[in-house]
């Protein structure tokens, strides 16, 4: 068999084995062909640069939600953590200026490190509620979302944290050559998450936990510690998303990006992560992020489509994917004769 035939055979095996990747590639191809005929200006370099600066906001949050869902849980607090981080770090930026109104030399690294630590603490709080109290993940993180959002409203009196030093936005919302810095940050986070899942014992353990918590406990895994770690990482991802939003808007509010909660869950499920845990790949989630950004940016090319319909589309797609997954899994079981 020639090398080309082997490569094609390997690609077919991959697509047959992972229906989610095959589905996403097919949807992406159809959507791009449709845009090529209806909105050819979409395929300009500036369009892809704009998308590369937009998707890291929710893309980084989705990576944290993915880890939680692999364990059999979920993190609905990511937007609340992101906004809380943005608000507190925006306030910190405003005081880290010299007499001429310029940021101190250490301000940006300090804000990034402290912001990620804030996210880690928020994530540990979620992990404590889920592992020690214990509260079901969906209720614990929904409650903490409201808690962090409420704290953000109180400390800002419901107003925006604005008039921030421009230097922060210039650095984190700038470009490294043609590539937006936000996309570089996302790639680095994705690499770290990929290494955790595929190259460390942590990845194997959370898959075991998601498959069966009882079996994980009987096998000697420290389940509580694993949950604390996972929700801490999710909180850190949410905080990074908040720092990116802060740079994109140069403003922070308690109610930014509320639609991102549904969007993150949709990305993870569409990418092939099982809502019941124990199954999912980073590759599918990354492809899902790209697909949703292409879909969202493409819809903006049609002014006759009201932007208020987009959450409706996301919700419909989420339900459709879960129904398709149900019947796909049922078909596989019937074929095996189980």
C-alpha atoms as a PDB file:
ATOM      1  CA  UNK A   1       0.000   0.000   0.000  1.00  0.00           C
ATOM      2  CA  UNK A   2       1.394   3.399  -0.999  1.00  0.00           C
ATOM      3  CA  UNK A   3       2.052   6.147   1.537  1.00  0.00           C
ATOM      4  CA  UNK A   4      -0.830   8.215   0.147  1.00  0.00           C
ATOM      5  CA  UNK A   5      -3.256   5.290   0.437  1.00  0.00           C
ATOM      6  CA  UNK A   6      -2.090   4.600   3.988  1.00  0.00           C
ATOM      7  CA  UNK A   7      -2.648   8.254   4.895  1.00  0.00           C
ATOM      8  CA  UNK A   8      -6.159   8.236   3.396  1.00  0.00           C
ATOM      9  CA  UNK A   9      -6.931   4.934   5.121  1.00  0.00           C
ATOM     10  CA  UNK A  10      -5.762   6.387   8.446  1.00  0.00           C
ATOM     11  CA  UNK A  11      -7.910   9.475   7.965  1.00  0.00           C
ATOM     12  CA  UNK A  12     -10.976   7.325   7.221  1.00  0.00           C
ATOM     13  CA  UNK A  13     -10.349   5.244  10.329  1.00  0.00           C
ATOM     14  CA  UNK A  14     -10.097   8.419  12.430  1.00  0.00           C
ATOM     15  CA  UNK A  15     -13.346   9.830  11.057  1.00  0.00           C
ATOM     16  CA  UNK A  16     -15.152   6.509  11.502  1.00  0.00           C
ATOM     17  CA  UNK A  17     -13.890   6.171  15.054  1.00  0.00           C
ATOM     18  CA  UNK A  18     -14.776   9.732  16.108  1.00  0.00           C
ATOM     19  CA  UNK A  19     -18.146  10.746  14.724  1.00  0.00           C
ATOM     20  CA  UNK A  20     -17.921  14.145  16.402  1.00  0.00           C
ATOM     21  CA  UNK A  21     -14.811  15.154  14.460  1.00  0.00           C
ATOM     22  CA  UNK A  22     -16.354  13.903  11.228  1.00  0.00           C
ATOM     23  CA  UNK A  23     -19.548  15.841  11.965  1.00  0.00           C
ATOM     24  CA  UNK A  24     -17.648  19.056  12.750  1.00  0.00           C
ATOM     25  CA  UNK A  25     -15.482  18.820   9.637  1.00  0.00           C
ATOM     26  CA  UNK A  26     -18.559  18.264   7.492  1.00  0.00           C
ATOM     27  CA  UNK A  27     -20.406  21.209   9.059  1.00  0.00           C
ATOM     28  CA  UNK A  28     -17.372  23.438   8.685  1.00  0.00           C
ATOM     29  CA  UNK A  29     -16.930  22.503   5.025  1.00  0.00           C
ATOM     30  CA  UNK A  30     -20.613  23.153   4.232  1.00  0.00           C
ATOM     31  CA  UNK A  31     -20.592  26.484   6.066  1.00  0.00           C
ATOM     32  CA  UNK A  32     -17.416  27.693   4.340  1.00  0.00           C
ATOM     33  CA  UNK A  33     -18.767  26.744   0.921  1.00  0.00           C
ATOM     34  CA  UNK A  34     -21.996  28.590   1.709  1.00  0.00           C
ATOM     35  CA  UNK A  35     -20.055  31.701   2.758  1.00  0.00           C
ATOM     36  CA  UNK A  36     -17.884  31.490  -0.339  1.00  0.00           C
ATOM     37  CA  UNK A  37     -20.999  31.967  -2.490  1.00  0.00           C
ATOM     38  CA  UNK A  38     -22.987  34.353  -0.282  1.00  0.00           C
ATOM     39  CA  UNK A  39     -20.322  36.444   1.499  1.00  0.00           C
ATOM     40  CA  UNK A  40     -16.971  36.144  -0.335  1.00  0.00           C
ATOM     41  CA  UNK A  41     -15.546  39.157   1.555  1.00  0.00           C
ATOM     42  CA  UNK A  42     -15.564  36.933   4.642  1.00  0.00           C
ATOM     43  CA  UNK A  43     -12.336  35.297   3.399  1.00  0.00           C
ATOM     44  CA  UNK A  44     -10.118  38.328   3.930  1.00  0.00           C
ATOM     45  CA  UNK A  45      -7.081  38.188   6.220  1.00  0.00           C
ATOM     46  CA  UNK A  46      -8.530  40.838   8.517  1.00  0.00           C
ATOM     47  CA  UNK A  47     -11.622  38.656   9.094  1.00  0.00           C
ATOM     48  CA  UNK A  48      -9.532  35.745  10.353  1.00  0.00           C
ATOM     49  CA  UNK A  49      -7.383  38.062  12.479  1.00  0.00           C
ATOM     50  CA  UNK A  50     -10.553  39.458  14.068  1.00  0.00           C
ATOM     51  CA  UNK A  51     -11.841  35.955  14.775  1.00  0.00           C
ATOM     52  CA  UNK A  52      -8.479  34.977  16.253  1.00  0.00           C
ATOM     53  CA  UNK A  53      -8.783  37.842  18.727  1.00  0.00           C
ATOM     54  CA  UNK A  54     -12.394  37.011  19.649  1.00  0.00           C
ATOM     55  CA  UNK A  55     -12.611  33.256  20.246  1.00  0.00           C
ATOM     56  CA  UNK A  56      -9.920  33.053  22.985  1.00  0.00           C
ATOM     57  CA  UNK A  57     -12.337  34.808  25.379  1.00  0.00           C
ATOM     58  CA  UNK A  58     -14.753  31.886  25.489  1.00  0.00           C
ATOM     59  CA  UNK A  59     -12.331  29.296  24.086  1.00  0.00           C
ATOM     60  CA  UNK A  60     -10.112  29.338  27.173  1.00  0.00           C
ATOM     61  CA  UNK A  61     -13.183  29.073  29.422  1.00  0.00           C
ATOM     62  CA  UNK A  62     -14.422  26.102  27.372  1.00  0.00           C
ATOM     63  CA  UNK A  63     -11.163  24.243  28.031  1.00  0.00           C
ATOM     64  CA  UNK A  64     -11.825  24.476  31.770  1.00  0.00           C
ATOM     65  CA  UNK A  65     -15.440  23.340  31.326  1.00  0.00           C
ATOM     66  CA  UNK A  66     -14.127  20.390  29.284  1.00  0.00           C
ATOM     67  CA  UNK A  67     -11.948  19.160  32.159  1.00  0.00           C
ATOM     68  CA  UNK A  68     -14.849  19.417  34.601  1.00  0.00           C
ATOM     69  CA  UNK A  69     -17.196  17.577  32.253  1.00  0.00           C
ATOM     70  CA  UNK A  70     -14.680  14.750  31.745  1.00  0.00           C
ATOM     71  CA  UNK A  71     -14.873  14.135  35.512  1.00  0.00           C
ATOM     72  CA  UNK A  72     -18.656  13.861  35.227  1.00  0.00           C
ATOM     73  CA  UNK A  73     -19.289  17.383  36.517  1.00  0.00           C
ATOM     74  CA  UNK A  74     -19.722  20.809  34.976  1.00  0.00           C
ATOM     75  CA  UNK A  75     -18.616  24.376  35.657  1.00  0.00           C
ATOM     76  CA  UNK A  76     -21.326  26.982  35.069  1.00  0.00           C
ATOM     77  CA  UNK A  77     -19.451  29.661  37.023  1.00  0.00           C
ATOM     78  CA  UNK A  78     -16.788  30.420  34.395  1.00  0.00           C
ATOM     79  CA  UNK A  79     -18.351  33.688  33.212  1.00  0.00           C
ATOM     80  CA  UNK A  80     -18.871  34.844  36.796  1.00  0.00           C
ATOM     81  CA  UNK A  81     -15.225  34.062  37.623  1.00  0.00           C
ATOM     82  CA  UNK A  82     -14.056  35.787  34.418  1.00  0.00           C
ATOM     83  CA  UNK A  83     -16.003  38.969  35.157  1.00  0.00           C
ATOM     84  CA  UNK A  84     -14.981  38.973  38.831  1.00  0.00           C
ATOM     85  CA  UNK A  85     -11.349  38.670  37.743  1.00  0.00           C
ATOM     86  CA  UNK A  86     -11.776  41.410  35.128  1.00  0.00           C
ATOM     87  CA  UNK A  87     -13.424  43.779  37.601  1.00  0.00           C
ATOM     88  CA  UNK A  88     -10.864  43.277  40.378  1.00  0.00           C
ATOM     89  CA  UNK A  89      -7.881  43.435  38.043  1.00  0.00           C
ATOM     90  CA  UNK A  90      -9.315  46.498  36.310  1.00  0.00           C
ATOM     91  CA  UNK A  91      -9.488  48.221  39.689  1.00  0.00           C
ATOM     92  CA  UNK A  92      -5.942  47.105  40.434  1.00  0.00           C
ATOM     93  CA  UNK A  93      -4.703  48.512  37.127  1.00  0.00           C
ATOM     94  CA  UNK A  94      -6.164  51.907  37.955  1.00  0.00           C
ATOM     95  CA  UNK A  95      -4.064  52.179  41.120  1.00  0.00           C
ATOM     96  CA  UNK A  96      -0.837  50.796  39.630  1.00  0.00           C
ATOM     97  CA  UNK A  97       0.092  54.037  37.864  1.00  0.00           C
ATOM     98  CA  UNK A  98       2.821  56.569  38.432  1.00  0.00           C
ATOM     99  CA  UNK A  99       2.475  60.327  38.852  1.00  0.00           C
ATOM    100  CA  UNK A 100       2.103  60.802  35.098  1.00  0.00           C
ATOM    101  CA  UNK A 101      -0.736  58.301  34.803  1.00  0.00           C
ATOM    102  CA  UNK A 102       1.427  55.583  33.207  1.00  0.00           C
ATOM    103  CA  UNK A 103       1.422  51.969  34.329  1.00  0.00           C
ATOM    104  CA  UNK A 104       4.258  50.834  36.558  1.00  0.00           C
ATOM    105  CA  UNK A 105       6.739  48.537  34.799  1.00  0.00           C
ATOM    106  CA  UNK A 106       5.615  45.544  36.841  1.00  0.00           C
ATOM    107  CA  UNK A 107       1.860  46.232  36.555  1.00  0.00           C
ATOM    108  CA  UNK A 108       0.966  43.951  33.644  1.00  0.00           C
ATOM    109  CA  UNK A 109       2.857  40.827  34.872  1.00  0.00           C
ATOM    110  CA  UNK A 110       1.502  41.418  38.376  1.00  0.00           C
ATOM    111  CA  UNK A 111      -2.091  41.746  37.154  1.00  0.00           C
ATOM    112  CA  UNK A 112      -1.793  38.554  35.084  1.00  0.00           C
ATOM    113  CA  UNK A 113      -0.331  36.524  37.965  1.00  0.00           C
ATOM    114  CA  UNK A 114      -2.739  37.900  40.583  1.00  0.00           C
ATOM    115  CA  UNK A 115      -5.694  37.474  38.208  1.00  0.00           C
ATOM    116  CA  UNK A 116      -4.870  33.810  37.618  1.00  0.00           C
ATOM    117  CA  UNK A 117      -4.526  33.331  41.381  1.00  0.00           C
ATOM    118  CA  UNK A 118      -7.971  34.902  41.892  1.00  0.00           C
ATOM    119  CA  UNK A 119      -9.375  32.395  39.397  1.00  0.00           C
ATOM    120  CA  UNK A 120      -7.614  29.533  41.174  1.00  0.00           C
ATOM    121  CA  UNK A 121      -9.155  30.538  44.518  1.00  0.00           C
ATOM    122  CA  UNK A 122     -12.613  30.756  42.934  1.00  0.00           C
ATOM    123  CA  UNK A 123     -12.088  27.323  41.381  1.00  0.00           C
ATOM    124  CA  UNK A 124     -10.961  25.856  44.686  1.00  0.00           C
ATOM    125  CA  UNK A 125     -14.118  27.239  46.266  1.00  0.00           C
ATOM    126  CA  UNK A 126     -16.180  25.376  43.648  1.00  0.00           C
ATOM    127  CA  UNK A 127     -14.122  22.230  44.173  1.00  0.00           C
ATOM    128  CA  UNK A 128     -14.627  22.426  47.940  1.00  0.00           C
ATOM    129  CA  UNK A 129     -18.408  22.737  47.562  1.00  0.00           C
ATOM    130  CA  UNK A 130     -18.496  19.746  45.191  1.00  0.00           C
ATOM    131  CA  UNK A 131     -16.015  17.428  46.892  1.00  0.00           C
ATOM    132  CA  UNK A 132     -16.389  18.209  50.598  1.00  0.00           C
ATOM    133  CA  UNK A 133     -19.925  19.459  51.243  1.00  0.00           C
ATOM    134  CA  UNK A 134     -20.930  17.783  48.775  1.00  0.00           C
ATOM    135  CA  UNK A 135     -23.210  19.724  46.416  1.00  0.00           C
ATOM    136  CA  UNK A 136     -23.992  18.534  42.864  1.00  0.00           C
ATOM    137  CA  UNK A 137     -21.654  20.339  40.423  1.00  0.00           C
ATOM    138  CA  UNK A 138     -24.467  21.950  38.433  1.00  0.00           C
ATOM    139  CA  UNK A 139     -25.958  23.514  41.591  1.00  0.00           C
ATOM    140  CA  UNK A 140     -22.642  24.424  43.219  1.00  0.00           C
ATOM    141  CA  UNK A 141     -21.274  26.225  40.163  1.00  0.00           C
ATOM    142  CA  UNK A 142     -24.586  27.881  39.315  1.00  0.00           C
ATOM    143  CA  UNK A 143     -24.710  29.223  42.860  1.00  0.00           C
ATOM    144  CA  UNK A 144     -21.095  30.406  42.754  1.00  0.00           C
ATOM    145  CA  UNK A 145     -21.762  32.098  39.396  1.00  0.00           C
ATOM    146  CA  UNK A 146     -24.449  34.182  41.082  1.00  0.00           C
ATOM    147  CA  UNK A 147     -22.157  34.752  44.082  1.00  0.00           C
ATOM    148  CA  UNK A 148     -19.196  36.022  42.045  1.00  0.00           C
ATOM    149  CA  UNK A 149     -21.472  38.108  39.834  1.00  0.00           C
ATOM    150  CA  UNK A 150     -23.139  39.623  42.891  1.00  0.00           C
ATOM    151  CA  UNK A 151     -19.793  40.491  44.463  1.00  0.00           C
ATOM    152  CA  UNK A 152     -18.730  42.155  41.195  1.00  0.00           C
ATOM    153  CA  UNK A 153     -21.938  44.211  41.148  1.00  0.00           C
ATOM    154  CA  UNK A 154     -21.482  45.285  44.756  1.00  0.00           C
ATOM    155  CA  UNK A 155     -17.854  46.410  44.454  1.00  0.00           C
ATOM    156  CA  UNK A 156     -18.609  48.353  41.253  1.00  0.00           C
ATOM    157  CA  UNK A 157     -22.081  49.610  42.268  1.00  0.00           C
ATOM    158  CA  UNK A 158     -23.296  48.050  39.039  1.00  0.00           C
ATOM    159  CA  UNK A 159     -21.111  50.349  36.932  1.00  0.00           C
ATOM    160  CA  UNK A 160     -18.308  49.602  34.498  1.00  0.00           C
ATOM    161  CA  UNK A 161     -14.668  49.781  35.534  1.00  0.00           C
ATOM    162  CA  UNK A 162     -13.554  52.111  32.762  1.00  0.00           C
ATOM    163  CA  UNK A 163     -10.829  54.627  31.836  1.00  0.00           C
ATOM    164  CA  UNK A 164      -8.115  52.020  32.312  1.00  0.00           C
ATOM    165  CA  UNK A 165      -4.500  52.650  31.272  1.00  0.00           C
ATOM    166  CA  UNK A 166      -4.210  51.856  27.574  1.00  0.00           C
ATOM    167  CA  UNK A 167      -0.892  50.051  27.949  1.00  0.00           C
ATOM    168  CA  UNK A 168      -2.558  46.864  29.198  1.00  0.00           C
ATOM    169  CA  UNK A 169      -4.849  46.673  26.162  1.00  0.00           C
ATOM    170  CA  UNK A 170      -1.970  47.518  23.821  1.00  0.00           C
ATOM    171  CA  UNK A 171       0.036  44.552  25.118  1.00  0.00           C
ATOM    172  CA  UNK A 172      -2.595  41.822  25.508  1.00  0.00           C
ATOM    173  CA  UNK A 173      -4.745  42.927  22.569  1.00  0.00           C
ATOM    174  CA  UNK A 174      -1.772  43.565  20.299  1.00  0.00           C
ATOM    175  CA  UNK A 175      -0.198  41.303  17.697  1.00  0.00           C
ATOM    176  CA  UNK A 176       2.915  39.198  17.355  1.00  0.00           C
ATOM    177  CA  UNK A 177       3.449  39.743  13.659  1.00  0.00           C
ATOM    178  CA  UNK A 178       0.122  38.896  12.003  1.00  0.00           C
ATOM    179  CA  UNK A 179      -1.076  36.765  14.946  1.00  0.00           C
ATOM    180  CA  UNK A 180      -3.154  38.369  17.752  1.00  0.00           C
ATOM    181  CA  UNK A 181      -1.667  37.985  21.224  1.00  0.00           C
ATOM    182  CA  UNK A 182      -5.001  36.595  22.458  1.00  0.00           C
ATOM    183  CA  UNK A 183      -4.662  33.664  20.039  1.00  0.00           C
ATOM    184  CA  UNK A 184      -1.114  33.006  21.262  1.00  0.00           C
ATOM    185  CA  UNK A 185      -2.378  32.912  24.858  1.00  0.00           C
ATOM    186  CA  UNK A 186      -5.119  30.473  23.867  1.00  0.00           C
ATOM    187  CA  UNK A 187      -2.634  28.208  22.070  1.00  0.00           C
ATOM    188  CA  UNK A 188      -0.366  28.133  25.138  1.00  0.00           C
ATOM    189  CA  UNK A 189      -3.287  27.240  27.435  1.00  0.00           C
ATOM    190  CA  UNK A 190      -4.469  24.558  24.988  1.00  0.00           C
ATOM    191  CA  UNK A 191      -0.968  23.039  24.925  1.00  0.00           C
ATOM    192  CA  UNK A 192      -0.862  22.930  28.737  1.00  0.00           C
ATOM    193  CA  UNK A 193      -4.307  21.290  28.887  1.00  0.00           C
ATOM    194  CA  UNK A 194      -3.301  18.821  26.165  1.00  0.00           C
ATOM    195  CA  UNK A 195      -0.172  17.840  28.082  1.00  0.00           C
ATOM    196  CA  UNK A 196      -2.188  17.393  31.288  1.00  0.00           C
ATOM    197  CA  UNK A 197      -4.671  15.113  29.527  1.00  0.00           C
ATOM    198  CA  UNK A 198      -2.300  12.987  27.477  1.00  0.00           C
ATOM    199  CA  UNK A 199       1.106  13.076  29.179  1.00  0.00           C
ATOM    200  CA  UNK A 200       0.367  13.033  32.896  1.00  0.00           C
ATOM    201  CA  UNK A 201      -1.309  10.700  35.361  1.00  0.00           C
ATOM    202  CA  UNK A 202      -3.785  13.477  36.127  1.00  0.00           C
ATOM    203  CA  UNK A 203      -5.393  13.042  32.700  1.00  0.00           C
ATOM    204  CA  UNK A 204      -5.796   9.287  33.142  1.00  0.00           C
ATOM    205  CA  UNK A 205      -7.243   9.753  36.617  1.00  0.00           C
ATOM    206  CA  UNK A 206      -9.951  12.241  35.618  1.00  0.00           C
ATOM    207  CA  UNK A 207     -11.041   9.931  32.789  1.00  0.00           C
ATOM    208  CA  UNK A 208     -11.286   7.108  35.336  1.00  0.00           C
ATOM    209  CA  UNK A 209     -13.213   9.359  37.700  1.00  0.00           C
ATOM    210  CA  UNK A 210     -15.653  10.352  34.966  1.00  0.00           C
ATOM    211  CA  UNK A 211     -16.200   6.740  33.940  1.00  0.00           C
ATOM    212  CA  UNK A 212     -17.073   5.576  37.454  1.00  0.00           C
ATOM    213  CA  UNK A 213     -16.549   7.531  40.662  1.00  0.00           C
ATOM    214  CA  UNK A 214     -17.141   4.425  42.768  1.00  0.00           C
ATOM    215  CA  UNK A 215     -14.527   2.431  40.852  1.00  0.00           C
ATOM    216  CA  UNK A 216     -12.121   5.374  41.104  1.00  0.00           C
ATOM    217  CA  UNK A 217     -12.511   5.449  44.884  1.00  0.00           C
ATOM    218  CA  UNK A 218     -12.092   1.672  45.194  1.00  0.00           C
ATOM    219  CA  UNK A 219      -8.928   1.847  43.079  1.00  0.00           C
ATOM    220  CA  UNK A 220      -7.379   4.215  45.578  1.00  0.00           C
ATOM    221  CA  UNK A 221      -7.690   7.519  43.715  1.00  0.00           C
ATOM    222  CA  UNK A 222      -7.937  10.634  45.846  1.00  0.00           C
ATOM    223  CA  UNK A 223     -11.210  11.756  44.289  1.00  0.00           C
ATOM    224  CA  UNK A 224     -11.652  14.854  46.439  1.00  0.00           C
ATOM    225  CA  UNK A 225      -8.174  16.084  45.568  1.00  0.00           C
ATOM    226  CA  UNK A 226      -8.772  15.409  41.869  1.00  0.00           C
ATOM    227  CA  UNK A 227     -11.972  17.464  41.945  1.00  0.00           C
ATOM    228  CA  UNK A 228     -10.222  20.311  43.750  1.00  0.00           C
ATOM    229  CA  UNK A 229      -7.460  20.289  41.127  1.00  0.00           C
ATOM    230  CA  UNK A 230      -9.889  20.160  38.217  1.00  0.00           C
ATOM    231  CA  UNK A 231     -12.106  23.016  39.361  1.00  0.00           C
ATOM    232  CA  UNK A 232      -9.038  25.051  40.302  1.00  0.00           C
ATOM    233  CA  UNK A 233      -7.719  24.653  36.732  1.00  0.00           C
ATOM    234  CA  UNK A 234     -11.148  25.579  35.376  1.00  0.00           C
ATOM    235  CA  UNK A 235     -11.133  28.697  37.537  1.00  0.00           C
ATOM    236  CA  UNK A 236      -7.681  29.626  36.239  1.00  0.00           C
ATOM    237  CA  UNK A 237      -8.890  29.187  32.639  1.00  0.00           C
ATOM    238  CA  UNK A 238     -11.899  31.395  33.400  1.00  0.00           C
ATOM    239  CA  UNK A 239      -9.626  34.041  34.907  1.00  0.00           C
ATOM    240  CA  UNK A 240      -7.449  34.038  31.783  1.00  0.00           C
ATOM    241  CA  UNK A 241     -10.621  34.511  29.745  1.00  0.00           C
ATOM    242  CA  UNK A 242     -11.504  37.465  31.979  1.00  0.00           C
ATOM    243  CA  UNK A 243      -8.060  39.003  31.480  1.00  0.00           C
ATOM    244  CA  UNK A 244      -8.475  38.655  27.717  1.00  0.00           C
ATOM    245  CA  UNK A 245     -11.909  40.317  27.857  1.00  0.00           C
ATOM    246  CA  UNK A 246     -10.404  43.120  29.919  1.00  0.00           C
ATOM    247  CA  UNK A 247      -7.800  43.732  27.218  1.00  0.00           C
ATOM    248  CA  UNK A 248     -10.304  43.504  24.351  1.00  0.00           C
ATOM    249  CA  UNK A 249     -12.757  46.028  25.804  1.00  0.00           C
ATOM    250  CA  UNK A 250     -10.391  47.974  28.090  1.00  0.00           C
ATOM    251  CA  UNK A 251     -13.400  47.918  30.409  1.00  0.00           C
ATOM    252  CA  UNK A 252     -14.803  45.454  32.933  1.00  0.00           C
ATOM    253  CA  UNK A 253     -18.390  44.835  33.984  1.00  0.00           C
ATOM    254  CA  UNK A 254     -20.188  42.248  36.066  1.00  0.00           C
ATOM    255  CA  UNK A 255     -22.425  41.241  33.155  1.00  0.00           C
ATOM    256  CA  UNK A 256     -20.007  40.828  30.249  1.00  0.00           C
ATOM    257  CA  UNK A 257     -20.256  37.686  28.130  1.00  0.00           C
ATOM    258  CA  UNK A 258     -23.290  36.105  29.793  1.00  0.00           C
ATOM    259  CA  UNK A 259     -23.993  34.106  26.632  1.00  0.00           C
ATOM    260  CA  UNK A 260     -20.584  32.450  27.000  1.00  0.00           C
ATOM    261  CA  UNK A 261     -21.925  30.015  29.620  1.00  0.00           C
ATOM    262  CA  UNK A 262     -24.214  28.326  27.129  1.00  0.00           C
ATOM    263  CA  UNK A 263     -21.589  28.682  24.408  1.00  0.00           C
ATOM    264  CA  UNK A 264     -18.908  26.910  26.466  1.00  0.00           C
ATOM    265  CA  UNK A 265     -21.212  23.989  27.251  1.00  0.00           C
ATOM    266  CA  UNK A 266     -22.208  23.780  23.579  1.00  0.00           C
ATOM    267  CA  UNK A 267     -18.559  23.772  22.482  1.00  0.00           C
ATOM    268  CA  UNK A 268     -17.635  20.968  24.854  1.00  0.00           C
ATOM    269  CA  UNK A 269     -20.620  18.764  23.990  1.00  0.00           C
ATOM    270  CA  UNK A 270     -20.291  19.469  20.275  1.00  0.00           C
ATOM    271  CA  UNK A 271     -16.611  18.537  20.559  1.00  0.00           C
ATOM    272  CA  UNK A 272     -17.487  15.049  21.748  1.00  0.00           C
ATOM    273  CA  UNK A 273     -17.127  15.306  25.520  1.00  0.00           C
ATOM    274  CA  UNK A 274     -19.774  13.176  27.204  1.00  0.00           C
ATOM    275  CA  UNK A 275     -22.038  15.096  29.621  1.00  0.00           C
ATOM    276  CA  UNK A 276     -21.913  12.041  31.887  1.00  0.00           C
ATOM    277  CA  UNK A 277     -18.105  12.067  31.988  1.00  0.00           C
ATOM    278  CA  UNK A 278     -15.266   9.743  31.095  1.00  0.00           C
ATOM    279  CA  UNK A 279     -15.086  10.538  27.393  1.00  0.00           C
ATOM    280  CA  UNK A 280     -13.820  13.384  25.250  1.00  0.00           C
ATOM    281  CA  UNK A 281     -10.817  14.691  23.356  1.00  0.00           C
ATOM    282  CA  UNK A 282      -9.101  18.052  23.207  1.00  0.00           C
ATOM    283  CA  UNK A 283      -8.985  17.811  19.396  1.00  0.00           C
ATOM    284  CA  UNK A 284     -12.765  17.755  19.138  1.00  0.00           C
ATOM    285  CA  UNK A 285     -13.158  20.710  21.491  1.00  0.00           C
ATOM    286  CA  UNK A 286     -10.602  22.800  19.569  1.00  0.00           C
ATOM    287  CA  UNK A 287     -12.382  22.015  16.322  1.00  0.00           C
ATOM    288  CA  UNK A 288     -15.703  22.898  17.940  1.00  0.00           C
ATOM    289  CA  UNK A 289     -14.339  26.277  19.058  1.00  0.00           C
ATOM    290  CA  UNK A 290     -13.257  27.048  15.492  1.00  0.00           C
ATOM    291  CA  UNK A 291     -16.618  25.918  14.110  1.00  0.00           C
ATOM    292  CA  UNK A 292     -18.662  28.112  16.454  1.00  0.00           C
ATOM    293  CA  UNK A 293     -16.479  31.151  15.805  1.00  0.00           C
ATOM    294  CA  UNK A 294     -16.840  30.649  12.043  1.00  0.00           C
ATOM    295  CA  UNK A 295     -20.589  30.279  12.458  1.00  0.00           C
ATOM    296  CA  UNK A 296     -20.914  33.346  14.682  1.00  0.00           C
ATOM    297  CA  UNK A 297     -18.726  35.565  12.497  1.00  0.00           C
ATOM    298  CA  UNK A 298     -20.427  34.305   9.358  1.00  0.00           C
ATOM    299  CA  UNK A 299     -23.893  35.105  10.738  1.00  0.00           C
ATOM    300  CA  UNK A 300     -22.740  38.671  11.364  1.00  0.00           C
ATOM    301  CA  UNK A 301     -22.345  39.008   7.594  1.00  0.00           C
ATOM    302  CA  UNK A 302     -26.121  38.850   7.257  1.00  0.00           C
ATOM    303  CA  UNK A 303     -27.638  41.998   8.826  1.00  0.00           C
ATOM    304  CA  UNK A 304     -31.155  40.644   8.305  1.00  0.00           C
ATOM    305  CA  UNK A 305     -30.439  38.047  11.025  1.00  0.00           C
ATOM    306  CA  UNK A 306     -31.059  39.679  14.395  1.00  0.00           C
ATOM    307  CA  UNK A 307     -28.237  39.081  16.883  1.00  0.00           C
ATOM    308  CA  UNK A 308     -30.829  38.175  19.524  1.00  0.00           C
ATOM    309  CA  UNK A 309     -31.487  34.983  17.568  1.00  0.00           C
ATOM    310  CA  UNK A 310     -27.930  33.714  18.144  1.00  0.00           C
ATOM    311  CA  UNK A 311     -28.595  32.343  21.689  1.00  0.00           C
ATOM    312  CA  UNK A 312     -31.659  30.629  20.229  1.00  0.00           C
ATOM    313  CA  UNK A 313     -29.444  29.016  17.589  1.00  0.00           C
ATOM    314  CA  UNK A 314     -26.880  27.913  20.211  1.00  0.00           C
ATOM    315  CA  UNK A 315     -29.588  26.351  22.390  1.00  0.00           C
ATOM    316  CA  UNK A 316     -31.156  24.550  19.437  1.00  0.00           C
ATOM    317  CA  UNK A 317     -27.796  23.233  18.258  1.00  0.00           C
ATOM    318  CA  UNK A 318     -26.959  21.993  21.778  1.00  0.00           C
ATOM    319  CA  UNK A 319     -30.213  20.040  22.039  1.00  0.00           C
ATOM    320  CA  UNK A 320     -29.804  18.671  18.498  1.00  0.00           C
ATOM    321  CA  UNK A 321     -26.261  17.452  19.185  1.00  0.00           C
ATOM    322  CA  UNK A 322     -27.297  15.702  22.399  1.00  0.00           C
ATOM    323  CA  UNK A 323     -30.193  13.982  20.615  1.00  0.00           C
ATOM    324  CA  UNK A 324     -27.864  12.883  17.790  1.00  0.00           C
ATOM    325  CA  UNK A 325     -25.346  11.574  20.346  1.00  0.00           C
ATOM    326  CA  UNK A 326     -28.092   9.587  22.077  1.00  0.00           C
ATOM    327  CA  UNK A 327     -29.178   7.841  18.890  1.00  0.00           C
ATOM    328  CA  UNK A 328     -25.556   7.343  17.749  1.00  0.00           C
ATOM    329  CA  UNK A 329     -24.633   5.626  21.015  1.00  0.00           C
ATOM    330  CA  UNK A 330     -27.834   3.571  20.880  1.00  0.00           C
ATOM    331  CA  UNK A 331     -27.002   2.424  17.347  1.00  0.00           C
ATOM    332  CA  UNK A 332     -23.495   1.393  18.411  1.00  0.00           C
ATOM    333  CA  UNK A 333     -24.902  -0.628  21.300  1.00  0.00           C
ATOM    334  CA  UNK A 334     -27.410  -2.379  19.029  1.00  0.00           C
ATOM    335  CA  UNK A 335     -24.648  -3.241  16.539  1.00  0.00           C
ATOM    336  CA  UNK A 336     -22.590  -4.817  19.303  1.00  0.00           C
ATOM    337  CA  UNK A 337     -25.663  -6.785  20.373  1.00  0.00           C
ATOM    338  CA  UNK A 338     -25.531  -5.524  23.930  1.00  0.00           C
END
